[in-house]
C-alpha atoms as a PDB file:
ATOM      1  CA  MET A   1      -0.693 -17.723  14.037  1.00  0.00           C
ATOM      2  CA  ALA A   2      -1.662 -13.881  12.806  1.00  0.00           C
ATOM      3  CA  ILE A   3      -3.330 -12.783   9.103  1.00  0.00           C
ATOM      4  CA  PHE A   4      -3.260  -9.376   8.281  1.00  0.00           C
ATOM      5  CA  GLU A   5      -5.813  -9.351   4.923  1.00  0.00           C
ATOM      6  CA  LYS A   6      -5.855  -5.541   2.899  1.00  0.00           C
ATOM      7  CA  THR A   7      -7.651  -4.887  -0.408  1.00  0.00           C
ATOM      8  CA  ILE A   8      -5.444  -2.602  -2.093  1.00  0.00           C
ATOM      9  CA  ARG A   9      -6.364  -0.675  -5.484  1.00  0.00           C
ATOM     10  CA  ASN A  10      -4.446   1.582  -8.331  1.00  0.00           C
ATOM     11  CA  LYS A  11      -1.272  -0.074  -7.332  1.00  0.00           C
ATOM     12  CA  ASN A  12       0.715  -2.157  -9.861  1.00  0.00           C
ATOM     13  CA  PHE A  13       0.853  -5.759  -8.472  1.00  0.00           C
ATOM     14  CA  ASP A  14       4.762  -6.688 -10.061  1.00  0.00           C
ATOM     15  CA  LYS A  15       5.755  -4.129  -9.018  1.00  0.00           C
ATOM     16  CA  LEU A  16       4.276  -4.480  -4.726  1.00  0.00           C
ATOM     17  CA  LEU A  17       5.667  -7.398  -5.093  1.00  0.00           C
ATOM     18  CA  ARG A  18       8.860  -7.245  -5.983  1.00  0.00           C
ATOM     19  CA  LYS A  19       9.289  -4.460  -3.663  1.00  0.00           C
ATOM     20  CA  LEU A  20       7.940  -6.857  -0.967  1.00  0.00           C
ATOM     21  CA  GLU A  21      10.508  -9.501  -2.320  1.00  0.00           C
ATOM     22  CA  ASN A  22      13.063  -6.899  -1.504  1.00  0.00           C
ATOM     23  CA  GLU A  23      11.871  -5.490   1.553  1.00  0.00           C
ATOM     24  CA  ILE A  24      10.688  -7.734   4.368  1.00  0.00           C
ATOM     25  CA  PRO A  25      13.454  -9.624   4.465  1.00  0.00           C
ATOM     26  CA  ASP A  26      15.560  -6.014   4.943  1.00  0.00           C
ATOM     27  CA  SER A  27      12.801  -5.603   7.659  1.00  0.00           C
ATOM     28  CA  SER A  28      14.557  -8.095  10.003  1.00  0.00           C
ATOM     29  CA  TRP A  29      18.413  -9.219  10.562  1.00  0.00           C
ATOM     30  CA  SER A  30      17.065 -12.651   9.762  1.00  0.00           C
ATOM     31  CA  ALA A  31      14.654 -12.966   7.195  1.00  0.00           C
ATOM     32  CA  ASP A  32      14.526 -14.871   3.577  1.00  0.00           C
ATOM     33  CA  LEU A  33      12.266 -15.140   1.190  1.00  0.00           C
ATOM     34  CA  GLU A  34      12.140 -18.756   1.440  1.00  0.00           C
ATOM     35  CA  ALA A  35      10.449 -20.028  -1.738  1.00  0.00           C
ATOM     36  CA  GLY A  36       7.211 -18.658  -4.092  1.00  0.00           C
ATOM     37  CA  SER A  37       5.165 -19.944  -6.898  1.00  0.00           C
ATOM     38  CA  ASP A  38       2.961 -18.316  -8.891  1.00  0.00           C
ATOM     39  CA  PHE A  39      -0.087 -18.788 -10.593  1.00  0.00           C
ATOM     40  CA  LYS A  40      -1.340 -17.511 -13.929  1.00  0.00           C
ATOM     41  CA  GLU A  41      -5.166 -18.819 -15.860  1.00  0.00           C
ATOM     42  CA  GLY A  42      -6.493 -15.602 -18.249  1.00  0.00           C
ATOM     43  CA  ASP A  43      -6.223 -12.961 -16.720  1.00  0.00           C
ATOM     44  CA  ALA A  44      -6.307 -13.119 -12.822  1.00  0.00           C
ATOM     45  CA  ARG A  45      -3.133 -14.646 -10.970  1.00  0.00           C
ATOM     46  CA  CYS A  46      -1.849 -15.434  -8.023  1.00  0.00           C
ATOM     47  CA  SER A  47       1.696 -15.095  -6.305  1.00  0.00           C
ATOM     48  CA  VAL A  48       2.365 -16.982  -2.742  1.00  0.00           C
ATOM     49  CA  ARG A  49       5.750 -16.304  -1.639  1.00  0.00           C
ATOM     50  CA  VAL A  50       7.612 -17.356   1.907  1.00  0.00           C
ATOM     51  CA  PHE A  51       9.017 -15.753   4.437  1.00  0.00           C
ATOM     52  CA  GLU A  52      10.786 -17.112   7.561  1.00  0.00           C
ATOM     53  CA  ARG A  53      12.961 -15.201  10.457  1.00  0.00           C
ATOM     54  CA  TYR A  54      14.252 -16.051  13.857  1.00  0.00           C
ATOM     55  CA  SER A  55      12.689 -14.679  16.533  1.00  0.00           C
ATOM     56  CA  MET A  56      14.543 -13.882  19.986  1.00  0.00           C
ATOM     57  CA  MET A  57      11.600 -13.461  21.802  1.00  0.00           C
ATOM     58  CA  GLY A  58       9.942 -17.626  20.904  1.00  0.00           C
ATOM     59  CA  GLY A  59      13.704 -18.825  20.323  1.00  0.00           C
ATOM     60  CA  ASN A  60      12.987 -20.293  17.266  1.00  0.00           C
ATOM     61  CA  ARG A  61      11.994 -19.217  13.612  1.00  0.00           C
ATOM     62  CA  LEU A  62       8.588 -18.238  12.145  1.00  0.00           C
ATOM     63  CA  SER A  63       6.619 -18.244   8.826  1.00  0.00           C
ATOM     64  CA  LEU A  64       5.022 -16.077   6.493  1.00  0.00           C
ATOM     65  CA  THR A  65       3.041 -17.183   3.865  1.00  0.00           C
ATOM     66  CA  LEU A  66       1.900 -13.630   1.313  1.00  0.00           C
ATOM     67  CA  THR A  67      -0.412 -14.152  -0.989  1.00  0.00           C
ATOM     68  CA  MET A  68      -1.563 -11.626  -3.229  1.00  0.00           C
ATOM     69  CA  PHE A  69      -4.163 -12.355  -6.470  1.00  0.00           C
ATOM     70  CA  GLN A  70      -5.546 -10.467  -8.251  1.00  0.00           C
ATOM     71  CA  ASN A  71      -8.209 -10.517 -11.477  1.00  0.00           C
ATOM     72  CA  GLY A  72      -7.266  -8.814 -14.337  1.00  0.00           C
ATOM     73  CA  ASP A  73      -7.841  -4.675 -14.105  1.00  0.00           C
ATOM     74  CA  SER A  74      -9.499  -5.532  -9.848  1.00  0.00           C
ATOM     75  CA  PRO A  75      -7.530  -4.763  -7.154  1.00  0.00           C
ATOM     76  CA  ILE A  76      -5.093  -6.545  -5.601  1.00  0.00           C
ATOM     77  CA  ARG A  77      -6.243  -8.836  -2.857  1.00  0.00           C
ATOM     78  CA  LEU A  78      -3.648  -9.399  -0.457  1.00  0.00           C
ATOM     79  CA  SER A  79      -2.912 -11.939   2.599  1.00  0.00           C
ATOM     80  CA  ALA A  80       0.016 -12.858   4.950  1.00  0.00           C
ATOM     81  CA  ILE A  81      -0.248 -15.337   7.811  1.00  0.00           C
ATOM     82  CA  THR A  82       2.251 -16.859  10.023  1.00  0.00           C
ATOM     83  CA  ALA A  83       3.168 -19.539  11.766  1.00  0.00           C
ATOM     84  CA  GLY A  84       5.246 -20.276  13.449  1.00  0.00           C
ATOM     85  CA  GLY A  85       6.935 -19.813  17.656  1.00  0.00           C
ATOM     86  CA  SER A  86       5.188 -22.115  19.973  1.00  0.00           C
ATOM     87  CA  GLN A  87       7.659 -24.385  21.974  1.00  0.00           C
ATOM     88  CA  ALA A  88       4.510 -26.071  23.661  1.00  0.00           C
ATOM     89  CA  VAL A  89       3.732 -29.735  22.125  1.00  0.00           C
ATOM     90  CA  PHE A  90      -0.334 -29.143  22.672  1.00  0.00           C
ATOM     91  CA  PHE A  91      -1.427 -25.553  22.367  1.00  0.00           C
ATOM     92  CA  LYS A  92       0.168 -22.163  21.813  1.00  0.00           C
ATOM     93  CA  VAL A  93       2.390 -20.222  24.177  1.00  0.00           C
ATOM     94  CA  ASN A  94       4.354 -17.764  22.824  1.00  0.00           C
ATOM     95  CA  THR A  95       2.533 -16.310  19.775  1.00  0.00           C
ATOM     96  CA  LEU A  96       4.235 -12.944  20.035  1.00  0.00           C
ATOM     97  CA  GLY A  97       6.931 -13.328  17.496  1.00  0.00           C
ATOM     98  CA  GLU A  98       4.373 -14.276  15.129  1.00  0.00           C
ATOM     99  CA  GLU A  99       2.084 -10.993  16.034  1.00  0.00           C
ATOM    100  CA  SER A 100       5.692  -9.570  16.048  1.00  0.00           C
ATOM    101  CA  PHE A 101       6.661 -10.335  12.455  1.00  0.00           C
ATOM    102  CA  LEU A 102       3.024  -9.589  11.763  1.00  0.00           C
ATOM    103  CA  GLU A 103       3.444  -6.325  12.438  1.00  0.00           C
ATOM    104  CA  ASP A 104       6.953  -5.629  10.963  1.00  0.00           C
ATOM    105  CA  VAL A 105       4.881  -6.366   7.749  1.00  0.00           C
ATOM    106  CA  LYS A 106       2.131  -4.184   8.166  1.00  0.00           C
ATOM    107  CA  GLU A 107       4.583  -1.114   8.305  1.00  0.00           C
ATOM    108  CA  LEU A 108       5.701  -2.125   5.944  1.00  0.00           C
ATOM    109  CA  LEU A 109       3.261  -2.320   3.614  1.00  0.00           C
ATOM    110  CA  GLU A 110       1.468   1.265   4.494  1.00  0.00           C
ATOM    111  CA  GLU A 111       5.204   3.237   4.271  1.00  0.00           C
ATOM    112  CA  ILE A 112       4.666   1.400   0.481  1.00  0.00           C
ATOM    113  CA  LEU A 113       1.229   2.370  -0.233  1.00  0.00           C
ATOM    114  CA  GLU A 114       2.509   5.476   0.728  1.00  0.00           C
ATOM    115  CA  GLU A 115       4.581   6.196  -1.773  1.00  0.00           C
END
């Protein structure tokens, strides 16, 4: 499992979410948006998206869970967690695919934030 968290200021929540929904699948030939969920309570909102892609290194599929949270006009809190990619029964043997998937998303996010 690999984790990345970032606080994002001065970005529109909906535009950032849509951009990530569209560009994460475009970043890999095998990546897909699998599911999503949205919550809103008063001024607070939370969006969760789950992506999957095939890992050549591990010979299996990996998931990436992307969570975005914002309360009113406060900064957006983003969390990205990858999981999967190990073929061992009792402990993780190969986490390279997870780290690679997360690194691709981090680079994509940096490009988006520079726009």
